[in-house]
Amino acid sequence: MGNCFGVEPDASTAEDLEARREQQLQAAMKRRDDEENRGIKDAEGYKIRQEKKRKVEEEADKRGHVSQDTAMRWNVG
């Protein structure tokens, strides 16, 4: 295909594109992190509590116990 503007791409254009891609990647990662932590005052504390809860559930599964959240609930009436 031809070039409509008659300007040949040069090395600086490729470098500019690479820099722009890097900036876009960083911006996307920042948006993702902001969205994950949206509405959470203490994001690090929240992650620590999530990890502890996951470990407790894994240990309970190893011992054969069923947590209250996953136990069957019977409705009689």
PDB file of N, CA and C in Angstrom:
ATOM      1  N   MET A   1       0.838  -1.174   0.000  1.00  0.00           N
ATOM      2  CA  MET A   1       0.000   0.000   0.000  1.00  0.00           C
ATOM      3  C   MET A   1       0.884   1.239   0.000  1.00  0.00           C
ATOM      4  N   GLY A   2       0.372   2.277  -0.581  1.00  0.00           N
ATOM      5  CA  GLY A   2       1.126   3.519  -0.648  1.00  0.00           C
ATOM      6  C   GLY A   2       0.923   4.371   0.581  1.00  0.00           C
ATOM      7  N   ASN A   3       1.769   5.351   0.696  1.00  0.00           N
ATOM      8  CA  ASN A   3       1.710   6.270   1.821  1.00  0.00           C
ATOM      9  C   ASN A   3       1.008   7.534   1.343  1.00  0.00           C
ATOM     10  N   CYS A   4      -0.119   7.875   1.916  1.00  0.00           N
ATOM     11  CA  CYS A   4      -0.928   9.005   1.478  1.00  0.00           C
ATOM     12  C   CYS A   4      -0.215  10.346   1.658  1.00  0.00           C
ATOM     13  N   PHE A   5       0.649  10.456   2.641  1.00  0.00           N
ATOM     14  CA  PHE A   5       1.272  11.729   2.960  1.00  0.00           C
ATOM     15  C   PHE A   5       2.655  11.892   2.335  1.00  0.00           C
ATOM     16  N   GLY A   6       3.174  10.850   1.728  1.00  0.00           N
ATOM     17  CA  GLY A   6       4.451  10.943   1.073  1.00  0.00           C
ATOM     18  C   GLY A   6       5.633  11.023   2.022  1.00  0.00           C
ATOM     19  N   VAL A   7       5.434  10.703   3.275  1.00  0.00           N
ATOM     20  CA  VAL A   7       6.504  10.745   4.257  1.00  0.00           C
ATOM     21  C   VAL A   7       6.862   9.316   4.633  1.00  0.00           C
ATOM     22  N   GLU A   8       8.124   9.019   4.530  1.00  0.00           N
ATOM     23  CA  GLU A   8       8.594   7.687   4.889  1.00  0.00           C
ATOM     24  C   GLU A   8       8.754   7.590   6.399  1.00  0.00           C
ATOM     25  N   PRO A   9       8.305   6.499   7.009  1.00  0.00           N
ATOM     26  CA  PRO A   9       8.530   6.338   8.447  1.00  0.00           C
ATOM     27  C   PRO A   9      10.021   6.176   8.725  1.00  0.00           C
ATOM     28  N   ASP A  10      10.477   6.803   9.783  1.00  0.00           N
ATOM     29  CA  ASP A  10      11.885   6.694  10.132  1.00  0.00           C
ATOM     30  C   ASP A  10      12.031   6.069  11.515  1.00  0.00           C
ATOM     31  N   ALA A  11      13.244   5.944  11.981  1.00  0.00           N
ATOM     32  CA  ALA A  11      13.526   5.277  13.254  1.00  0.00           C
ATOM     33  C   ALA A  11      12.920   6.034  14.424  1.00  0.00           C
ATOM     34  N   SER A  12      12.893   7.374  14.363  1.00  0.00           N
ATOM     35  CA  SER A  12      12.349   8.142  15.488  1.00  0.00           C
ATOM     36  C   SER A  12      10.849   7.882  15.650  1.00  0.00           C
ATOM     37  N   THR A  13      10.148   7.644  14.534  1.00  0.00           N
ATOM     38  CA  THR A  13       8.723   7.337  14.606  1.00  0.00           C
ATOM     39  C   THR A  13       8.518   6.004  15.318  1.00  0.00           C
ATOM     40  N   ALA A  14       9.355   5.021  15.031  1.00  0.00           N
ATOM     41  CA  ALA A  14       9.258   3.722  15.678  1.00  0.00           C
ATOM     42  C   ALA A  14       9.536   3.854  17.174  1.00  0.00           C
ATOM     43  N   GLU A  15      10.502   4.707  17.530  1.00  0.00           N
ATOM     44  CA  GLU A  15      10.807   4.922  18.947  1.00  0.00           C
ATOM     45  C   GLU A  15       9.645   5.614  19.646  1.00  0.00           C
ATOM     46  N   ASP A  16       9.033   6.581  18.948  1.00  0.00           N
ATOM     47  CA  ASP A  16       7.876   7.276  19.507  1.00  0.00           C
ATOM     48  C   ASP A  16       6.723   6.311  19.748  1.00  0.00           C
ATOM     49  N   LEU A  17       6.519   5.420  18.783  1.00  0.00           N
ATOM     50  CA  LEU A  17       5.451   4.424  18.937  1.00  0.00           C
ATOM     51  C   LEU A  17       5.728   3.504  20.122  1.00  0.00           C
ATOM     52  N   GLU A  18       6.968   3.105  20.271  1.00  0.00           N
ATOM     53  CA  GLU A  18       7.343   2.223  21.385  1.00  0.00           C
ATOM     54  C   GLU A  18       7.135   2.940  22.720  1.00  0.00           C
ATOM     55  N   ALA A  19       7.519   4.208  22.794  1.00  0.00           N
ATOM     56  CA  ALA A  19       7.324   4.987  24.023  1.00  0.00           C
ATOM     57  C   ALA A  19       5.833   5.158  24.317  1.00  0.00           C
ATOM     58  N   ARG A  20       5.061   5.380  23.288  1.00  0.00           N
ATOM     59  CA  ARG A  20       3.611   5.547  23.465  1.00  0.00           C
ATOM     60  C   ARG A  20       2.970   4.248  23.950  1.00  0.00           C
ATOM     61  N   ARG A  21       3.392   3.132  23.385  1.00  0.00           N
ATOM     62  CA  ARG A  21       2.867   1.837  23.825  1.00  0.00           C
ATOM     63  C   ARG A  21       3.184   1.594  25.292  1.00  0.00           C
ATOM     64  N   GLU A  22       4.402   1.948  25.700  1.00  0.00           N
ATOM     65  CA  GLU A  22       4.798   1.779  27.101  1.00  0.00           C
ATOM     66  C   GLU A  22       3.946   2.650  28.014  1.00  0.00           C
ATOM     67  N   GLN A  23       3.685   3.889  27.601  1.00  0.00           N
ATOM     68  CA  GLN A  23       2.837   4.779  28.391  1.00  0.00           C
ATOM     69  C   GLN A  23       1.413   4.241  28.483  1.00  0.00           C
ATOM     70  N   GLN A  24       0.904   3.707  27.384  1.00  0.00           N
ATOM     71  CA  GLN A  24      -0.447   3.145  27.389  1.00  0.00           C
ATOM     72  C   GLN A  24      -0.527   1.926  28.306  1.00  0.00           C
ATOM     73  N   LEU A  25       0.518   1.100  28.297  1.00  0.00           N
ATOM     74  CA  LEU A  25       0.554  -0.072  29.165  1.00  0.00           C
ATOM     75  C   LEU A  25       0.558   0.342  30.631  1.00  0.00           C
ATOM     76  N   GLN A  26       1.374   1.339  30.962  1.00  0.00           N
ATOM     77  CA  GLN A  26       1.431   1.818  32.345  1.00  0.00           C
ATOM     78  C   GLN A  26       0.102   2.413  32.774  1.00  0.00           C
ATOM     79  N   ALA A  27      -0.541   3.160  31.882  1.00  0.00           N
ATOM     80  CA  ALA A  27      -1.839   3.760  32.201  1.00  0.00           C
ATOM     81  C   ALA A  27      -2.899   2.680  32.415  1.00  0.00           C
ATOM     82  N   ALA A  28      -2.877   1.641  31.589  1.00  0.00           N
ATOM     83  CA  ALA A  28      -3.840   0.553  31.732  1.00  0.00           C
ATOM     84  C   ALA A  28      -3.636  -0.186  33.053  1.00  0.00           C
ATOM     85  N   MET A  29      -2.396  -0.415  33.442  1.00  0.00           N
ATOM     86  CA  MET A  29      -2.116  -1.094  34.703  1.00  0.00           C
ATOM     87  C   MET A  29      -2.563  -0.235  35.881  1.00  0.00           C
ATOM     88  N   LYS A  30      -2.368   1.069  35.795  1.00  0.00           N
ATOM     89  CA  LYS A  30      -2.786   1.975  36.859  1.00  0.00           C
ATOM     90  C   LYS A  30      -4.316   1.980  36.980  1.00  0.00           C
ATOM     91  N   ARG A  31      -5.011   1.994  35.842  1.00  0.00           N
ATOM     92  CA  ARG A  31      -6.481   1.950  35.872  1.00  0.00           C
ATOM     93  C   ARG A  31      -6.976   0.648  36.491  1.00  0.00           C
ATOM     94  N   ARG A  32      -6.324  -0.469  36.149  1.00  0.00           N
ATOM     95  CA  ARG A  32      -6.714  -1.759  36.706  1.00  0.00           C
ATOM     96  C   ARG A  32      -6.523  -1.778  38.219  1.00  0.00           C
ATOM     97  N   ASP A  33      -5.386  -1.279  38.687  1.00  0.00           N
ATOM     98  CA  ASP A  33      -5.123  -1.233  40.128  1.00  0.00           C
ATOM     99  C   ASP A  33      -6.110  -0.321  40.837  1.00  0.00           C
ATOM    100  N   ASP A  34      -6.402   0.833  40.240  1.00  0.00           N
ATOM    101  CA  ASP A  34      -7.365   1.760  40.838  1.00  0.00           C
ATOM    102  C   ASP A  34      -8.749   1.123  40.929  1.00  0.00           C
ATOM    103  N   GLU A  35      -9.138   0.391  39.903  1.00  0.00           N
ATOM    104  CA  GLU A  35     -10.460  -0.247  39.890  1.00  0.00           C
ATOM    105  C   GLU A  35     -10.534  -1.364  40.942  1.00  0.00           C
ATOM    106  N   GLU A  36      -9.439  -2.109  41.114  1.00  0.00           N
ATOM    107  CA  GLU A  36      -9.417  -3.169  42.122  1.00  0.00           C
ATOM    108  C   GLU A  36      -9.590  -2.605  43.521  1.00  0.00           C
ATOM    109  N   ASN A  37      -9.008  -1.441  43.774  1.00  0.00           N
ATOM    110  CA  ASN A  37      -9.018  -0.856  45.106  1.00  0.00           C
ATOM    111  C   ASN A  37     -10.120   0.175  45.298  1.00  0.00           C
ATOM    112  N   ARG A  38     -11.014   0.278  44.366  1.00  0.00           N
ATOM    113  CA  ARG A  38     -12.069   1.278  44.439  1.00  0.00           C
ATOM    114  C   ARG A  38     -12.992   0.989  45.622  1.00  0.00           C
ATOM    115  N   GLY A  39     -13.194   1.992  46.447  1.00  0.00           N
ATOM    116  CA  GLY A  39     -14.092   1.863  47.585  1.00  0.00           C
ATOM    117  C   GLY A  39     -13.467   1.221  48.805  1.00  0.00           C
ATOM    118  N   ILE A  40     -12.204   0.884  48.756  1.00  0.00           N
ATOM    119  CA  ILE A  40     -11.524   0.247  49.878  1.00  0.00           C
ATOM    120  C   ILE A  40     -10.558   1.261  50.477  1.00  0.00           C
ATOM    121  N   LYS A  41     -10.750   1.578  51.756  1.00  0.00           N
ATOM    122  CA  LYS A  41      -9.867   2.557  52.399  1.00  0.00           C
ATOM    123  C   LYS A  41      -8.468   1.994  52.599  1.00  0.00           C
ATOM    124  N   ASP A  42      -8.381   0.783  53.132  1.00  0.00           N
ATOM    125  CA  ASP A  42      -7.091   0.162  53.419  1.00  0.00           C
ATOM    126  C   ASP A  42      -6.917  -1.033  52.491  1.00  0.00           C
ATOM    127  N   ALA A  43      -6.443  -0.791  51.279  1.00  0.00           N
ATOM    128  CA  ALA A  43      -6.334  -1.843  50.272  1.00  0.00           C
ATOM    129  C   ALA A  43      -5.370  -2.945  50.708  1.00  0.00           C
ATOM    130  N   GLU A  44      -4.247  -2.562  51.307  1.00  0.00           N
ATOM    131  CA  GLU A  44      -3.259  -3.564  51.730  1.00  0.00           C
ATOM    132  C   GLU A  44      -3.828  -4.442  52.843  1.00  0.00           C
ATOM    133  N   GLY A  45      -4.510  -3.828  53.812  1.00  0.00           N
ATOM    134  CA  GLY A  45      -5.131  -4.583  54.893  1.00  0.00           C
ATOM    135  C   GLY A  45      -6.204  -5.523  54.373  1.00  0.00           C
ATOM    136  N   TYR A  46      -6.939  -5.061  53.381  1.00  0.00           N
ATOM    137  CA  TYR A  46      -7.984  -5.892  52.776  1.00  0.00           C
ATOM    138  C   TYR A  46      -7.364  -7.121  52.127  1.00  0.00           C
ATOM    139  N   LYS A  47      -6.267  -6.935  51.402  1.00  0.00           N
ATOM    140  CA  LYS A  47      -5.601  -8.066  50.753  1.00  0.00           C
ATOM    141  C   LYS A  47      -5.071  -9.052  51.790  1.00  0.00           C
ATOM    142  N   ILE A  48      -4.538  -8.540  52.903  1.00  0.00           N
ATOM    143  CA  ILE A  48      -4.019  -9.412  53.963  1.00  0.00           C
ATOM    144  C   ILE A  48      -5.162 -10.229  54.568  1.00  0.00           C
ATOM    145  N   ARG A  49      -6.302  -9.576  54.847  1.00  0.00           N
ATOM    146  CA  ARG A  49      -7.458 -10.302  55.399  1.00  0.00           C
ATOM    147  C   ARG A  49      -7.981 -11.354  54.428  1.00  0.00           C
ATOM    148  N   GLN A  50      -7.998 -11.026  53.128  1.00  0.00           N
ATOM    149  CA  GLN A  50      -8.436 -11.992  52.116  1.00  0.00           C
ATOM    150  C   GLN A  50      -7.519 -13.218  52.122  1.00  0.00           C
ATOM    151  N   GLU A  51      -6.210 -12.979  52.193  1.00  0.00           N
ATOM    152  CA  GLU A  51      -5.240 -14.079  52.187  1.00  0.00           C
ATOM    153  C   GLU A  51      -5.401 -14.953  53.423  1.00  0.00           C
ATOM    154  N   LYS A  52      -5.592 -14.339  54.596  1.00  0.00           N
ATOM    155  CA  LYS A  52      -5.794 -15.114  55.822  1.00  0.00           C
ATOM    156  C   LYS A  52      -7.056 -15.963  55.724  1.00  0.00           C
ATOM    157  N   LYS A  53      -8.114 -15.387  55.204  1.00  0.00           N
ATOM    158  CA  LYS A  53      -9.373 -16.115  55.060  1.00  0.00           C
ATOM    159  C   LYS A  53      -9.199 -17.305  54.117  1.00  0.00           C
ATOM    160  N   ARG A  54      -8.461 -17.100  53.031  1.00  0.00           N
ATOM    161  CA  ARG A  54      -8.221 -18.178  52.080  1.00  0.00           C
ATOM    162  C   ARG A  54      -7.424 -19.310  52.732  1.00  0.00           C
ATOM    163  N   LYS A  55      -6.405 -18.963  53.539  1.00  0.00           N
ATOM    164  CA  LYS A  55      -5.601 -19.974  54.213  1.00  0.00           C
ATOM    165  C   LYS A  55      -6.426 -20.770  55.211  1.00  0.00           C
ATOM    166  N   VAL A  56      -7.292 -20.092  55.958  1.00  0.00           N
ATOM    167  CA  VAL A  56      -8.145 -20.775  56.930  1.00  0.00           C
ATOM    168  C   VAL A  56      -9.077 -21.750  56.210  1.00  0.00           C
ATOM    169  N   GLU A  57      -9.624 -21.333  55.096  1.00  0.00           N
ATOM    170  CA  GLU A  57     -10.512 -22.218  54.336  1.00  0.00           C
ATOM    171  C   GLU A  57      -9.760 -23.417  53.782  1.00  0.00           C
ATOM    172  N   GLU A  58      -8.524 -23.218  53.314  1.00  0.00           N
ATOM    173  CA  GLU A  58      -7.724 -24.333  52.811  1.00  0.00           C
ATOM    174  C   GLU A  58      -7.436 -25.335  53.924  1.00  0.00           C
ATOM    175  N   GLU A  59      -7.080 -24.835  55.108  1.00  0.00           N
ATOM    176  CA  GLU A  59      -6.801 -25.728  56.233  1.00  0.00           C
ATOM    177  C   GLU A  59      -8.050 -26.496  56.637  1.00  0.00           C
ATOM    178  N   ALA A  60      -9.193 -25.841  56.609  1.00  0.00           N
ATOM    179  CA  ALA A  60     -10.444 -26.515  56.952  1.00  0.00           C
ATOM    180  C   ALA A  60     -10.755 -27.597  55.930  1.00  0.00           C
ATOM    181  N   ASP A  61     -10.493 -27.335  54.671  1.00  0.00           N
ATOM    182  CA  ASP A  61     -10.728 -28.337  53.631  1.00  0.00           C
ATOM    183  C   ASP A  61      -9.806 -29.545  53.817  1.00  0.00           C
ATOM    184  N   LYS A  62      -8.569 -29.291  54.215  1.00  0.00           N
ATOM    185  CA  LYS A  62      -7.630 -30.383  54.439  1.00  0.00           C
ATOM    186  C   LYS A  62      -8.087 -31.274  55.596  1.00  0.00           C
ATOM    187  N   ARG A  63      -8.678 -30.651  56.616  1.00  0.00           N
ATOM    188  CA  ARG A  63      -9.144 -31.404  57.777  1.00  0.00           C
ATOM    189  C   ARG A  63     -10.512 -32.028  57.542  1.00  0.00           C
ATOM    190  N   GLY A  64     -11.170 -31.658  56.453  1.00  0.00           N
ATOM    191  CA  GLY A  64     -12.455 -32.254  56.141  1.00  0.00           C
ATOM    192  C   GLY A  64     -13.638 -31.508  56.713  1.00  0.00           C
ATOM    193  N   HIS A  65     -13.434 -30.332  57.245  1.00  0.00           N
ATOM    194  CA  HIS A  65     -14.527 -29.546  57.785  1.00  0.00           C
ATOM    195  C   HIS A  65     -15.177 -28.722  56.677  1.00  0.00           C
ATOM    196  N   VAL A  66     -16.468 -28.496  56.848  1.00  0.00           N
ATOM    197  CA  VAL A  66     -17.203 -27.667  55.905  1.00  0.00           C
ATOM    198  C   VAL A  66     -17.450 -26.326  56.574  1.00  0.00           C
ATOM    199  N   SER A  67     -17.112 -25.246  55.895  1.00  0.00           N
ATOM    200  CA  SER A  67     -17.325 -23.928  56.480  1.00  0.00           C
ATOM    201  C   SER A  67     -18.812 -23.597  56.499  1.00  0.00           C
ATOM    202  N   GLN A  68     -19.191 -22.639  57.310  1.00  0.00           N
ATOM    203  CA  GLN A  68     -20.592 -22.253  57.433  1.00  0.00           C
ATOM    204  C   GLN A  68     -21.142 -21.690  56.131  1.00  0.00           C
ATOM    205  N   ASP A  69     -20.306 -21.053  55.345  1.00  0.00           N
ATOM    206  CA  ASP A  69     -20.762 -20.444  54.096  1.00  0.00           C
ATOM    207  C   ASP A  69     -21.127 -21.497  53.052  1.00  0.00           C
ATOM    208  N   THR A  70     -20.469 -22.642  53.089  1.00  0.00           N
ATOM    209  CA  THR A  70     -20.700 -23.655  52.056  1.00  0.00           C
ATOM    210  C   THR A  70     -21.554 -24.821  52.568  1.00  0.00           C
ATOM    211  N   ALA A  71     -21.949 -24.811  53.835  1.00  0.00           N
ATOM    212  CA  ALA A  71     -22.740 -25.903  54.376  1.00  0.00           C
ATOM    213  C   ALA A  71     -24.154 -25.876  53.773  1.00  0.00           C
ATOM    214  N   MET A  72     -24.752 -27.041  53.701  1.00  0.00           N
ATOM    215  CA  MET A  72     -26.128 -27.111  53.192  1.00  0.00           C
ATOM    216  C   MET A  72     -27.067 -26.542  54.243  1.00  0.00           C
ATOM    217  N   ARG A  73     -28.028 -25.806  53.794  1.00  0.00           N
ATOM    218  CA  ARG A  73     -29.007 -25.220  54.694  1.00  0.00           C
ATOM    219  C   ARG A  73     -30.367 -25.808  54.385  1.00  0.00           C
ATOM    220  N   TRP A  74     -30.997 -26.299  55.407  1.00  0.00           N
ATOM    221  CA  TRP A  74     -32.297 -26.927  55.237  1.00  0.00           C
ATOM    222  C   TRP A  74     -33.377 -25.964  55.696  1.00  0.00           C
ATOM    223  N   ASN A  75     -34.359 -25.816  54.854  1.00  0.00           N
ATOM    224  CA  ASN A  75     -35.514 -24.999  55.192  1.00  0.00           C
ATOM    225  C   ASN A  75     -36.693 -25.941  55.421  1.00  0.00           C
ATOM    226  N   VAL A  76     -37.181 -25.940  56.625  1.00  0.00           N
ATOM    227  CA  VAL A  76     -38.294 -26.821  56.956  1.00  0.00           C
ATOM    228  C   VAL A  76     -39.499 -25.920  57.252  1.00  0.00           C
ATOM    229  N   GLY A  77     -40.583 -26.250  56.639  1.00  0.00           N
ATOM    230  CA  GLY A  77     -41.719 -25.406  56.967  1.00  0.00           C
ATOM    231  C   GLY A  77     -42.870 -25.542  56.072  1.00  0.00           C
TER     232      GLY A  77
END
